Amino acid sequence: MKLKYAFKRTITNSSASARQETKPEVPDGMLKKCNACKGAVFVDEVKKNNYICPHCGNYFRIHARRRIEMIADEGTFEEWDSVMPISNPLSYKGYPDKVKKLQEKTGLDEAIVTGRAKIGGVSAVLGVCDSRFLMASMGENVGEKIVRAVEKATEERLPVVLFACSGGARMQEGIVSLMQMAKTSAALKRHSDAGLLYISVLTNPTTGGVTASFAMLGDIILAEPGALIGFAGPRVIEQTIRQKLPKGFQKSEFLLEHGFIDQIVERKDMKETLAQLLKMHCENAADNRDEKAEQANKESYSPAKKSAWEHVLLARSKERPTGKDYIPWLFDHFLELHGDRLFGDDSALIGGIAYFDGKPVTVIIQEKGNGTKENIAYNFGMVSPEGYRKSLRLMKQAEKFGRPVICLVDTPGAFCGLEAEERGQGEAIARNLFELSGLKVPVLSIVIGEGGSGGALALAVGDEVWMMENSIYSILSPEGFATILWKDSTKAKEAAEVMKLTASDLKDLGMIEQIIPEKEPLTRENMMETMEVLEKRVRGFLDTYCAYDLEKLLNKRYNRFRNL
């Protein structure tokens, strides 16, 4: 055996070295590596694509000033507190030098840039964190800049938009860093008490003390797709519980499912979404109403005589429009908001902000869905505790910003199940009744299909309650009534007659104020004429009730139910 080359390589591969010599060189800065798919991407292509990987859709982090360029109207950003003295409360060795080096490298004074800007023509206070600066951790100066910006916004009655991106508290500043959580939260409470809007936008990553303070306190909380959001980091959790976390845990999609954010917004749509939200919350931003609104159309109408059971069948008809079918007929620019901020987002309850006749309103809908697949997805309109808590959150938000509330009621009843009881179904409904009775804005509730039991009443403590002609409203289903009183569910037809559940019955009993006529049974195909009538009547309601002073509004609502 020849061992000439066994221990020492003396022959080179000339063809390989030749290929290496002829390999083309890529200029510095032209390519970068995607940290998600590990693929090489051209920097210019990434910039044109809103700093998103063209291969896998991964969102790259954006420098604060670039973010401001993308969000603020051109030439409108005015920076505040651009120079702050270096803080080193623990006299931590080497910390001031590290801060100075980062200032030179990033061109930033600290990990957040704050100031005033216009977004879609609306003035707002804007703050953007920059992860290049100590992972945008919140030290004394970051907290101070946020508080100064929020205080100035409160003084000038401006909305606040903060883009969070942070590793949490700044270790080098110890307990002083921790106190910034309380400081920023207190400033935002004063801003909120002044009736002003705060929008929080969560980007990758938002963790630690930032998540547990200003990042999660928005009136409206938006997030970019795929952003890591959580109090404890994934590695810390895994080390603590000694378990592998599920895929997607703590991502923005996870938070949306669990009720903690309102929307996930793609980067290309962020400015437009922010502009729409700001306009909806700023006085006279989108007022295109005529000074003299058309009066409500209340001409007399004699409905065709039907049996109570026929009304039940029409209310349950698969052809009948559900809540989401009403939205394009009655409202403009509906923006759905999600989550109860406690546990989850219930698809059976749709809520959000829209324009009615040029004015912002809060819209809350019980949704059954159209067809079997949607029925299942919307749980047949049976709302869970998190749905009622979402509705309450949106009602209280409407109260803060002076928006009337319009509820479309359509449910066979609240969801009854093990998990609903575990999460407090009774308490959730009771809390809605309690708060709605004293809500400081006009509330209109319209039963559009089935109004079943307390599950319907939870959205029907309104200044007025209306019913579509072929809707029903009752203590429970006719089948349930017959089962409880007569021990025979097959007597549902007879029960329907006894229960007085039709719109005409309830109008005679003084339970409702108006019946919306259906000259033929309502379907998704023949909605136009009925919706024109309904739109006129809603306009008349808002004209009347928005003119009341607060004392008259609340007393009238209280006496409405007091006298039933």
Protein backbone atom coordinates (compact mmCIF):
# COMPACT_ATOMS: atom_id res chain seq x y z
CA MET A 1 0.00 0.00 0.00
CA LYS A 2 1.32 3.45 -0.89
CA LEU A 3 1.27 5.80 2.11
CA LYS A 4 2.83 8.75 0.31
CA TYR A 5 -0.12 11.04 0.78
CA ALA A 6 -1.76 9.52 3.86
CA PHE A 7 -0.67 12.14 6.45
CA LYS A 8 0.28 15.20 4.42
CA ARG A 9 -1.55 16.85 1.61
CA THR A 10 0.92 18.01 -1.01
CA ILE A 11 -1.24 18.11 -4.11
CA THR A 12 -3.77 20.90 -4.64
CA ASN A 13 -6.89 20.72 -6.71
CA SER A 14 -6.04 23.13 -9.46
CA SER A 15 -9.55 23.15 -10.88
CA ALA A 16 -11.10 24.03 -7.50
CA SER A 17 -8.64 26.89 -6.91
CA ALA A 18 -9.30 28.12 -10.38
CA ARG A 19 -13.02 28.23 -9.74
CA GLN A 20 -12.39 30.08 -6.48
CA GLU A 21 -10.27 32.68 -8.25
CA THR A 22 -12.92 33.29 -10.89
CA LYS A 23 -15.83 33.48 -8.39
CA PRO A 24 -17.51 36.89 -8.82
CA GLU A 25 -17.20 39.29 -5.92
CA VAL A 26 -20.34 40.97 -4.49
CA PRO A 27 -19.86 44.60 -3.45
CA ASP A 28 -20.23 45.24 0.27
CA GLY A 29 -23.72 46.24 1.33
CA MET A 30 -25.44 44.87 -1.78
CA LEU A 31 -26.60 41.60 -0.18
CA LYS A 32 -27.80 40.66 3.29
CA LYS A 33 -28.94 37.42 4.86
CA CYS A 34 -32.54 36.87 5.95
CA ASN A 35 -32.50 35.67 9.54
CA ALA A 36 -35.63 33.59 8.92
CA CYS A 37 -35.10 31.70 5.66
CA LYS A 38 -31.28 32.22 5.65
CA GLY A 39 -31.49 33.22 2.01
CA ALA A 40 -29.43 36.01 0.43
CA VAL A 41 -31.50 39.07 -0.52
CA PHE A 42 -30.59 42.25 -2.32
CA VAL A 43 -30.70 45.23 0.03
CA ASP A 44 -32.31 47.51 -2.57
CA GLU A 45 -35.04 44.94 -3.22
CA VAL A 46 -35.71 44.65 0.51
CA LYS A 47 -36.01 48.43 0.85
CA LYS A 48 -38.49 48.61 -2.02
CA ASN A 49 -40.47 45.84 -0.34
CA ASN A 50 -40.94 47.78 2.93
CA TYR A 51 -38.01 45.93 4.53
CA ILE A 52 -39.67 42.54 4.09
CA CYS A 53 -37.86 39.47 2.76
CA PRO A 54 -39.10 38.85 -0.82
CA HIS A 55 -38.56 35.09 -0.39
CA CYS A 56 -40.25 34.21 2.91
CA GLY A 57 -42.08 37.39 3.97
CA ASN A 58 -39.97 37.87 7.10
CA TYR A 59 -40.18 41.37 8.57
CA PHE A 60 -36.78 42.98 9.07
CA ARG A 61 -36.42 45.48 11.88
CA ILE A 62 -36.58 49.12 10.81
CA HIS A 63 -34.50 51.99 12.14
CA ALA A 64 -36.58 54.60 13.93
CA ARG A 65 -36.05 57.38 11.40
CA ARG A 66 -36.93 55.08 8.50
CA ARG A 67 -40.10 54.10 10.28
CA ILE A 68 -40.99 57.75 10.75
CA GLU A 69 -40.44 58.36 7.02
CA MET A 70 -42.86 55.52 6.25
CA ILE A 71 -45.56 56.66 8.69
CA ALA A 72 -45.47 60.47 8.95
CA ASP A 73 -46.61 62.77 6.16
CA GLU A 74 -43.57 64.10 4.34
CA GLY A 75 -41.90 67.03 6.07
CA THR A 76 -44.24 67.09 9.07
CA PHE A 77 -42.18 65.36 11.77
CA GLU A 78 -40.84 67.68 14.46
CA GLU A 79 -38.53 65.88 16.88
CA TRP A 80 -38.71 66.51 20.62
CA ASP A 81 -36.03 65.96 23.30
CA SER A 82 -33.35 65.00 20.80
CA VAL A 83 -30.60 65.49 23.40
CA MET A 84 -30.78 63.93 26.86
CA PRO A 85 -27.97 63.74 29.46
CA ILE A 86 -26.60 60.21 29.87
CA SER A 87 -28.16 58.47 32.86
CA ASN A 88 -26.13 56.03 34.97
CA PRO A 89 -28.03 55.70 38.27
CA LEU A 90 -26.12 52.59 39.39
CA SER A 91 -22.72 54.03 38.39
CA TYR A 92 -22.38 50.89 36.29
CA LYS A 93 -18.82 50.56 35.05
CA GLY A 94 -18.37 51.19 31.32
CA TYR A 95 -22.05 51.97 30.73
CA PRO A 96 -21.64 55.66 29.76
CA ASP A 97 -18.93 54.73 27.25
CA LYS A 98 -21.17 52.09 25.72
CA VAL A 99 -23.98 54.61 25.38
CA LYS A 100 -21.65 57.14 23.71
CA LYS A 101 -20.47 54.54 21.20
CA LEU A 102 -24.06 53.65 20.35
CA GLN A 103 -24.91 57.31 19.92
CA GLU A 104 -22.06 57.67 17.42
CA LYS A 105 -22.96 54.44 15.61
CA THR A 106 -26.73 55.00 15.33
CA GLY A 107 -26.94 58.79 15.20
CA LEU A 108 -29.54 58.56 17.98
CA ASP A 109 -29.45 60.07 21.42
CA GLU A 110 -31.45 57.19 22.92
CA ALA A 111 -33.47 54.11 22.03
CA ILE A 112 -36.61 56.06 21.11
CA VAL A 113 -37.36 59.03 18.87
CA THR A 114 -40.38 61.16 19.80
CA GLY A 115 -42.08 64.20 18.34
CA ARG A 116 -45.11 65.65 16.61
CA ALA A 117 -46.17 64.64 13.10
CA LYS A 118 -49.13 64.43 10.78
CA ILE A 119 -50.41 61.03 9.71
CA GLY A 120 -52.90 61.22 6.87
CA GLY A 121 -53.29 64.92 7.61
CA VAL A 122 -54.12 64.41 11.31
CA SER A 123 -51.72 65.79 13.93
CA ALA A 124 -50.43 63.24 16.43
CA VAL A 125 -47.56 62.61 18.82
CA LEU A 126 -45.36 59.87 17.41
CA GLY A 127 -42.78 57.73 19.21
CA VAL A 128 -40.67 55.00 17.60
CA CYS A 129 -38.28 52.61 19.36
CA ASP A 130 -35.01 51.62 17.67
CA SER A 131 -33.63 48.14 18.40
CA ARG A 132 -30.06 49.11 17.43
CA PHE A 133 -29.75 51.02 20.71
CA LEU A 134 -29.32 48.41 23.47
CA MET A 135 -32.20 46.43 21.97
CA ALA A 136 -34.46 49.43 22.67
CA SER A 137 -34.46 48.55 26.35
CA MET A 138 -36.32 51.03 28.55
CA GLY A 139 -33.95 52.98 30.74
CA GLU A 140 -34.56 56.29 32.49
CA ASN A 141 -34.16 58.39 29.36
CA VAL A 142 -36.48 56.22 27.28
CA GLY A 143 -39.15 56.42 29.98
CA GLU A 144 -38.60 60.15 30.37
CA LYS A 145 -38.92 60.81 26.64
CA ILE A 146 -42.15 58.81 26.44
CA VAL A 147 -43.63 60.59 29.47
CA ARG A 148 -42.68 64.05 28.16
CA ALA A 149 -44.24 63.22 24.80
CA VAL A 150 -47.45 61.90 26.40
CA GLU A 151 -47.69 64.89 28.75
CA LYS A 152 -47.32 67.28 25.84
CA ALA A 153 -49.94 65.32 23.91
CA THR A 154 -52.30 65.65 26.87
CA GLU A 155 -51.64 69.37 27.13
CA GLU A 156 -52.19 69.92 23.39
CA ARG A 157 -55.04 67.36 23.21
CA LEU A 158 -53.30 65.22 20.60
CA PRO A 159 -53.52 61.46 20.01
CA VAL A 160 -50.43 59.35 20.69
CA VAL A 161 -48.99 56.63 18.44
CA LEU A 162 -46.10 54.57 19.86
CA PHE A 163 -44.20 51.89 17.95
CA ALA A 164 -42.80 49.43 20.50
CA CYS A 165 -39.76 47.29 19.87
CA SER A 166 -37.81 46.30 22.94
CA GLY A 167 -35.99 43.66 24.92
CA GLY A 168 -37.60 45.07 28.08
CA ALA A 169 -36.02 46.80 31.05
CA ARG A 170 -32.42 48.05 30.87
CA MET A 171 -30.34 45.93 33.23
CA GLN A 172 -27.55 48.52 33.61
CA GLU A 173 -30.02 50.92 35.24
CA GLY A 174 -31.54 48.42 37.67
CA ILE A 175 -34.55 49.49 39.74
CA VAL A 176 -34.62 52.92 38.06
CA SER A 177 -35.38 51.15 34.79
CA LEU A 178 -38.15 49.18 36.49
CA MET A 179 -39.80 52.40 37.70
CA GLN A 180 -40.22 53.57 34.10
CA MET A 181 -43.01 50.99 33.76
CA ALA A 182 -45.04 52.81 36.43
CA LYS A 183 -44.04 56.24 35.15
CA THR A 184 -45.12 55.69 31.54
CA SER A 185 -48.34 53.95 32.62
CA ALA A 186 -49.28 56.86 34.91
CA ALA A 187 -48.74 59.39 32.12
CA LEU A 188 -50.91 57.35 29.76
CA LYS A 189 -53.65 57.14 32.41
CA ARG A 190 -53.83 60.95 32.54
CA HIS A 191 -53.87 61.09 28.75
CA SER A 192 -56.71 58.54 28.72
CA ASP A 193 -58.67 60.37 31.42
CA ALA A 194 -58.55 63.44 29.20
CA GLY A 195 -60.50 61.44 26.60
CA LEU A 196 -57.60 61.17 24.16
CA LEU A 197 -56.61 58.34 21.84
CA TYR A 198 -53.54 56.16 22.28
CA ILE A 199 -52.61 53.65 19.56
CA SER A 200 -49.91 51.12 20.39
CA VAL A 201 -48.15 49.32 17.53
CA LEU A 202 -46.22 46.19 18.50
CA THR A 203 -43.25 45.17 16.36
CA ASN A 204 -40.66 42.43 16.64
CA PRO A 205 -39.72 41.94 19.44
CA THR A 206 -41.80 43.55 22.19
CA THR A 207 -41.00 41.89 25.50
CA GLY A 208 -40.41 42.34 29.22
CA GLY A 209 -41.21 45.55 31.03
CA VAL A 210 -42.27 47.33 27.84
CA THR A 211 -44.96 44.71 27.21
CA ALA A 212 -46.01 45.01 30.85
CA SER A 213 -46.44 48.78 30.61
CA PHE A 214 -46.99 51.23 27.76
CA ALA A 215 -47.04 48.70 24.91
CA MET A 216 -50.22 46.95 26.09
CA LEU A 217 -52.17 50.01 27.26
CA GLY A 218 -53.41 51.28 23.90
CA ASP A 219 -57.04 52.10 23.30
CA ILE A 220 -56.31 50.25 20.08
CA ILE A 221 -53.41 47.81 19.81
CA LEU A 222 -52.03 46.88 16.40
CA ALA A 223 -49.20 44.49 15.60
CA GLU A 224 -47.05 43.58 12.63
CA PRO A 225 -47.28 39.98 11.35
CA GLY A 226 -45.07 37.44 13.07
CA ALA A 227 -43.86 39.79 15.81
CA LEU A 228 -42.63 38.23 19.06
CA ILE A 229 -44.71 39.72 21.89
CA GLY A 230 -44.64 38.59 25.49
CA PHE A 231 -43.62 39.39 29.05
CA ALA A 232 -41.09 36.59 29.54
CA GLY A 233 -38.90 35.54 26.62
CA PRO A 234 -39.36 32.08 25.07
CA ARG A 235 -36.02 30.79 26.36
CA VAL A 236 -36.80 31.89 29.91
CA ILE A 237 -40.19 30.17 29.78
CA GLU A 238 -38.73 26.94 28.40
CA GLN A 239 -36.04 26.90 31.08
CA THR A 240 -38.63 27.55 33.79
CA ILE A 241 -41.23 24.97 32.80
CA ARG A 242 -38.73 22.58 31.13
CA GLN A 243 -41.01 22.14 28.13
CA LYS A 244 -40.73 22.95 24.45
CA LEU A 245 -43.06 25.78 23.49
CA PRO A 246 -45.56 25.22 20.66
CA LYS A 247 -44.92 26.70 17.24
CA GLY A 248 -46.15 30.26 16.94
CA PHE A 249 -46.26 30.80 20.70
CA GLN A 250 -46.07 34.54 21.62
CA LYS A 251 -46.29 35.63 17.99
CA SER A 252 -48.73 38.40 17.08
CA GLU A 253 -51.10 35.82 15.58
CA PHE A 254 -51.12 34.02 18.95
CA LEU A 255 -52.02 37.27 20.74
CA LEU A 256 -54.83 38.01 18.29
CA GLU A 257 -56.33 34.56 18.87
CA HIS A 258 -56.10 35.05 22.63
CA GLY A 259 -57.77 38.45 22.61
CA PHE A 260 -54.88 40.81 23.40
CA ILE A 261 -54.60 42.86 20.21
CA ASP A 262 -57.14 44.45 17.89
CA GLN A 263 -55.60 43.80 14.50
CA ILE A 264 -52.53 42.47 12.70
CA VAL A 265 -51.64 45.03 10.05
CA GLU A 266 -49.19 44.47 7.22
CA ARG A 267 -46.44 47.05 6.98
CA LYS A 268 -47.64 48.35 3.61
CA ASP A 269 -51.05 49.09 5.13
CA MET A 270 -49.89 50.55 8.45
CA LYS A 271 -49.98 54.24 7.56
CA GLU A 272 -53.42 53.98 5.95
CA THR A 273 -54.81 52.09 8.96
CA LEU A 274 -53.37 54.60 11.42
CA ALA A 275 -54.71 57.50 9.36
CA GLN A 276 -58.20 55.99 9.31
CA LEU A 277 -58.18 55.38 13.06
CA LEU A 278 -56.95 58.90 13.78
CA LYS A 279 -59.62 60.45 11.58
CA MET A 280 -62.32 58.39 13.29
CA HIS A 281 -61.23 59.74 16.68
CA CYS A 282 -60.59 63.38 15.81
CA GLU A 283 -63.44 65.84 15.89
CA ASN A 284 -64.87 66.85 12.53
CA ALA A 285 -62.27 64.79 10.68
CA ALA A 286 -64.85 63.19 8.41
CA ASP A 287 -68.07 65.13 8.83
CA ASN A 288 -69.90 65.05 5.53
CA ARG A 289 -73.44 65.13 6.87
CA ASP A 290 -76.02 67.62 5.76
CA GLU A 291 -76.78 70.15 8.50
CA LYS A 292 -80.42 69.16 8.39
CA ALA A 293 -80.69 65.38 8.49
CA GLU A 294 -83.61 63.66 6.85
CA GLN A 295 -86.28 62.84 9.39
CA ALA A 296 -86.89 59.24 10.39
CA ASN A 297 -89.37 57.45 8.18
CA LYS A 298 -92.04 56.38 10.64
CA GLU A 299 -95.09 56.17 8.40
CA SER A 300 -97.63 53.66 9.58
CA TYR A 301 -97.25 50.13 8.28
CA SER A 302 -99.54 47.18 8.80
CA PRO A 303 -97.59 43.92 8.74
CA ALA A 304 -99.11 40.85 7.15
CA LYS A 305 -100.70 38.57 9.74
CA LYS A 306 -98.59 35.50 10.51
CA SER A 307 -98.59 32.95 13.27
CA ALA A 308 -95.93 33.21 15.96
CA TRP A 309 -94.34 30.00 14.73
CA GLU A 310 -94.09 31.43 11.20
CA HIS A 311 -92.15 34.34 12.70
CA VAL A 312 -89.85 31.86 14.45
CA LEU A 313 -89.15 30.05 11.19
CA LEU A 314 -88.49 33.32 9.32
CA ALA A 315 -86.17 34.56 12.06
CA ARG A 316 -84.19 31.34 11.75
CA SER A 317 -84.27 31.14 7.93
CA LYS A 318 -80.98 30.37 6.22
CA GLU A 319 -81.85 33.01 3.60
CA ARG A 320 -82.21 35.74 6.21
CA PRO A 321 -79.37 38.31 6.36
CA THR A 322 -77.08 38.07 9.36
CA GLY A 323 -75.33 40.94 11.10
CA LYS A 324 -72.35 41.23 8.79
CA ASP A 325 -74.72 41.53 5.80
CA TYR A 326 -76.01 44.81 7.29
CA ILE A 327 -72.59 46.44 7.50
CA PRO A 328 -72.14 47.57 3.86
CA TRP A 329 -75.72 48.86 3.72
CA LEU A 330 -75.61 50.98 6.88
CA PHE A 331 -71.95 51.83 7.50
CA ASP A 332 -68.87 53.12 5.73
CA HIS A 333 -65.24 52.16 6.39
CA PHE A 334 -65.96 49.54 9.02
CA LEU A 335 -62.78 48.68 10.91
CA GLU A 336 -63.06 45.50 12.98
CA LEU A 337 -61.39 45.35 16.39
CA HIS A 338 -60.65 42.10 18.18
CA GLY A 339 -60.22 40.64 21.63
CA ASP A 340 -61.38 40.99 25.21
CA ARG A 341 -57.84 41.71 26.57
CA LEU A 342 -58.34 38.81 28.99
CA PHE A 343 -58.65 35.47 27.27
CA GLY A 344 -59.65 35.37 23.62
CA ASP A 345 -61.46 36.73 20.60
CA ASP A 346 -64.98 35.40 20.09
CA SER A 347 -65.93 35.18 16.42
CA ALA A 348 -69.66 35.08 17.34
CA LEU A 349 -69.40 38.75 18.28
CA ILE A 350 -68.10 41.21 15.69
CA GLY A 351 -67.23 44.70 16.87
CA GLY A 352 -65.50 47.75 15.55
CA ILE A 353 -65.69 51.37 14.44
CA ALA A 354 -67.41 52.71 11.34
CA TYR A 355 -68.95 55.83 9.91
CA PHE A 356 -72.71 56.27 9.85
CA ASP A 357 -73.77 59.31 7.87
CA GLY A 358 -70.26 60.73 8.19
CA LYS A 359 -69.99 60.35 11.96
CA PRO A 360 -68.02 57.66 13.83
CA VAL A 361 -70.07 55.02 15.64
CA THR A 362 -69.22 51.81 17.45
CA VAL A 363 -70.89 48.78 15.86
CA ILE A 364 -71.44 45.52 17.79
CA ILE A 365 -72.98 42.52 16.06
CA GLN A 366 -73.94 39.00 17.08
CA GLU A 367 -73.06 36.93 14.03
CA LYS A 368 -74.47 33.48 13.11
CA GLY A 369 -72.79 33.11 9.73
CA ASN A 370 -74.23 32.06 6.37
CA GLY A 371 -74.14 28.34 5.58
CA THR A 372 -72.99 25.40 7.66
CA LYS A 373 -69.27 26.18 7.49
CA GLU A 374 -69.78 29.75 8.70
CA ASN A 375 -72.39 28.68 11.27
CA ILE A 376 -69.76 26.48 12.88
CA ALA A 377 -67.04 29.15 12.61
CA TYR A 378 -69.34 31.69 14.32
CA ASN A 379 -70.70 29.15 16.82
CA PHE A 380 -74.23 29.77 15.46
CA GLY A 381 -74.18 33.24 17.04
CA MET A 382 -73.92 31.86 20.57
CA VAL A 383 -71.59 34.31 22.30
CA SER A 384 -69.01 33.21 24.89
CA PRO A 385 -67.84 35.21 27.92
CA GLU A 386 -64.93 36.64 25.94
CA GLY A 387 -67.40 37.91 23.34
CA TYR A 388 -69.43 39.80 25.93
CA ARG A 389 -66.25 41.17 27.47
CA LYS A 390 -65.08 42.29 24.03
CA SER A 391 -68.40 44.07 23.49
CA LEU A 392 -68.08 45.76 26.87
CA ARG A 393 -64.53 46.87 26.10
CA LEU A 394 -65.69 48.44 22.84
CA MET A 395 -68.69 50.09 24.52
CA LYS A 396 -66.47 51.67 27.17
CA GLN A 397 -64.11 52.79 24.42
CA ALA A 398 -67.08 54.37 22.63
CA GLU A 399 -68.02 56.15 25.85
CA LYS A 400 -64.51 57.56 26.19
CA PHE A 401 -64.57 59.03 22.69
CA GLY A 402 -68.23 60.05 22.62
CA ARG A 403 -69.32 57.60 19.91
CA PRO A 404 -72.92 56.29 19.80
CA VAL A 405 -73.25 52.50 19.99
CA ILE A 406 -75.37 50.50 17.53
CA CYS A 407 -75.98 46.84 18.40
CA LEU A 408 -77.43 44.26 16.02
CA VAL A 409 -78.86 41.40 18.07
CA ASP A 410 -79.17 37.90 16.60
CA THR A 411 -78.56 34.92 18.84
CA PRO A 412 -80.47 31.83 19.93
CA GLY A 413 -78.88 32.44 23.33
CA ALA A 414 -75.54 32.75 25.07
CA PHE A 415 -73.21 29.78 24.65
CA CYS A 416 -73.75 27.22 27.39
CA GLY A 417 -70.92 24.84 27.94
CA LEU A 418 -68.28 23.78 30.41
CA GLU A 419 -65.73 26.32 29.23
CA ALA A 420 -68.28 29.16 29.22
CA GLU A 421 -69.06 28.48 32.87
CA GLU A 422 -65.38 28.19 33.74
CA ARG A 423 -64.78 31.64 32.26
CA GLY A 424 -67.77 33.27 33.95
CA GLN A 425 -70.64 33.50 31.45
CA GLY A 426 -73.10 34.83 34.02
CA GLU A 427 -70.71 37.48 35.30
CA ALA A 428 -69.88 38.62 31.76
CA ILE A 429 -73.56 39.13 30.86
CA ALA A 430 -74.31 40.79 34.20
CA ARG A 431 -71.40 43.20 33.74
CA ASN A 432 -72.75 44.21 30.32
CA LEU A 433 -76.19 44.96 31.77
CA PHE A 434 -74.61 46.92 34.62
CA GLU A 435 -72.37 49.08 32.44
CA LEU A 436 -74.80 49.55 29.55
CA SER A 437 -77.42 50.98 31.89
CA GLY A 438 -75.11 53.90 32.64
CA LEU A 439 -73.15 54.22 29.38
CA LYS A 440 -72.70 57.93 28.68
CA VAL A 441 -73.42 57.77 24.94
CA PRO A 442 -76.59 56.90 22.98
CA VAL A 443 -77.22 53.17 22.55
CA LEU A 444 -79.51 51.70 19.90
CA SER A 445 -80.23 47.96 19.86
CA ILE A 446 -81.96 46.27 16.90
CA VAL A 447 -83.11 42.65 17.00
CA ILE A 448 -82.55 41.46 13.43
CA GLY A 449 -83.20 37.72 13.81
CA GLU A 450 -83.43 35.75 17.04
CA GLY A 451 -83.26 37.53 20.36
CA GLY A 452 -82.69 34.68 22.73
CA SER A 453 -82.73 35.16 26.50
CA GLY A 454 -79.97 36.94 28.47
CA GLY A 455 -77.57 36.36 25.61
CA ALA A 456 -79.59 38.88 23.58
CA LEU A 457 -80.40 41.21 26.47
CA ALA A 458 -76.65 41.69 27.09
CA LEU A 459 -76.63 43.89 23.97
CA ALA A 460 -80.16 45.26 24.30
CA VAL A 461 -80.06 47.64 27.25
CA GLY A 462 -80.44 50.52 24.83
CA ASP A 463 -82.08 53.92 24.84
CA GLU A 464 -84.41 52.32 22.31
CA VAL A 465 -84.84 48.72 21.22
CA TRP A 466 -86.18 47.99 17.75
CA MET A 467 -87.13 44.77 15.99
CA MET A 468 -87.21 43.75 12.37
CA GLU A 469 -90.77 42.72 11.52
CA ASN A 470 -90.00 39.00 11.29
CA SER A 471 -87.57 38.81 14.19
CA ILE A 472 -88.35 37.30 17.60
CA TYR A 473 -87.31 38.19 21.16
CA SER A 474 -88.01 35.91 24.09
CA ILE A 475 -86.98 34.51 27.45
CA LEU A 476 -85.67 31.38 25.67
CA SER A 477 -86.45 29.27 22.61
CA PRO A 478 -89.99 27.93 22.16
CA GLU A 479 -88.55 24.41 22.36
CA GLY A 480 -86.93 25.22 25.70
CA PHE A 481 -90.09 26.88 27.00
CA ALA A 482 -92.17 23.81 26.11
CA THR A 483 -89.63 21.47 27.66
CA ILE A 484 -89.44 23.35 30.96
CA LEU A 485 -93.17 24.08 31.47
CA TRP A 486 -94.81 21.19 29.64
CA LYS A 487 -92.04 18.59 29.59
CA ASP A 488 -92.60 18.26 25.83
CA SER A 489 -90.39 20.03 23.28
CA THR A 490 -92.70 19.00 20.44
CA LYS A 491 -95.18 21.63 21.63
CA ALA A 492 -92.88 24.44 20.43
CA LYS A 493 -95.57 25.86 18.08
CA GLU A 494 -98.04 26.22 20.91
CA ALA A 495 -95.31 27.69 23.11
CA ALA A 496 -94.51 30.34 20.52
CA GLU A 497 -98.10 31.63 20.64
CA VAL A 498 -98.10 31.76 24.44
CA MET A 499 -94.70 33.46 24.74
CA LYS A 500 -95.62 36.74 22.96
CA LEU A 501 -92.28 36.78 21.12
CA THR A 502 -93.12 38.59 17.85
CA ALA A 503 -92.32 42.22 17.13
CA SER A 504 -96.04 43.15 17.20
CA ASP A 505 -96.50 41.41 20.56
CA LEU A 506 -93.54 43.18 22.10
CA LYS A 507 -94.57 46.56 20.71
CA ASP A 508 -97.99 46.10 22.33
CA LEU A 509 -96.27 45.18 25.62
CA GLY A 510 -94.14 48.33 25.49
CA MET A 511 -90.92 46.35 25.30
CA ILE A 512 -89.73 47.90 22.03
CA GLU A 513 -90.09 51.29 20.38
CA GLN A 514 -90.15 50.50 16.67
CA ILE A 515 -90.82 47.73 14.17
CA ILE A 516 -88.79 47.88 10.95
CA PRO A 517 -91.11 46.72 8.15
CA GLU A 518 -90.31 43.81 5.87
CA LYS A 519 -92.77 44.04 2.98
CA GLU A 520 -91.66 40.53 2.10
CA PRO A 521 -89.56 38.13 4.17
CA LEU A 522 -86.08 39.61 4.25
CA THR A 523 -83.28 37.89 2.33
CA ARG A 524 -79.78 38.89 1.32
CA GLU A 525 -81.09 39.49 -2.19
CA ASN A 526 -83.94 41.90 -1.34
CA MET A 527 -82.34 44.03 1.41
CA MET A 528 -82.15 47.38 -0.37
CA GLU A 529 -85.60 48.82 0.34
CA THR A 530 -85.61 47.66 3.96
CA MET A 531 -82.13 49.04 4.54
CA GLU A 532 -83.15 52.44 3.17
CA VAL A 533 -85.96 52.57 5.73
CA LEU A 534 -83.66 51.40 8.52
CA GLU A 535 -80.97 53.91 7.61
CA LYS A 536 -83.44 56.81 7.81
CA ARG A 537 -84.70 55.67 11.17
CA VAL A 538 -81.22 55.23 12.62
CA ARG A 539 -80.38 58.75 11.43
CA GLY A 540 -83.47 60.06 13.21
CA PHE A 541 -82.50 58.22 16.39
CA LEU A 542 -78.99 59.65 16.39
CA ASP A 543 -80.23 63.17 15.66
CA THR A 544 -82.58 62.94 18.65
CA TYR A 545 -80.42 61.20 21.23
CA CYS A 546 -77.12 62.91 20.43
CA ALA A 547 -78.83 66.21 21.21
CA TYR A 548 -79.74 65.16 24.77
CA ASP A 549 -77.63 66.31 27.68
CA LEU A 550 -76.07 63.51 29.70
CA GLU A 551 -78.52 63.67 32.62
CA LYS A 552 -81.54 63.44 30.33
CA LEU A 553 -79.98 60.60 28.33
CA LEU A 554 -79.23 58.46 31.40
CA ASN A 555 -82.51 59.19 33.18
CA LYS A 556 -84.53 58.35 30.09
CA ARG A 557 -82.71 55.03 29.68
CA TYR A 558 -83.09 54.18 33.37
CA ASN A 559 -86.80 54.96 33.36
CA ARG A 560 -87.32 52.95 30.18
CA PHE A 561 -86.34 49.76 32.01
CA ARG A 562 -87.62 50.92 35.40
CA ASN A 563 -91.14 51.05 34.01
CA LEU A 564 -91.14 47.62 32.35
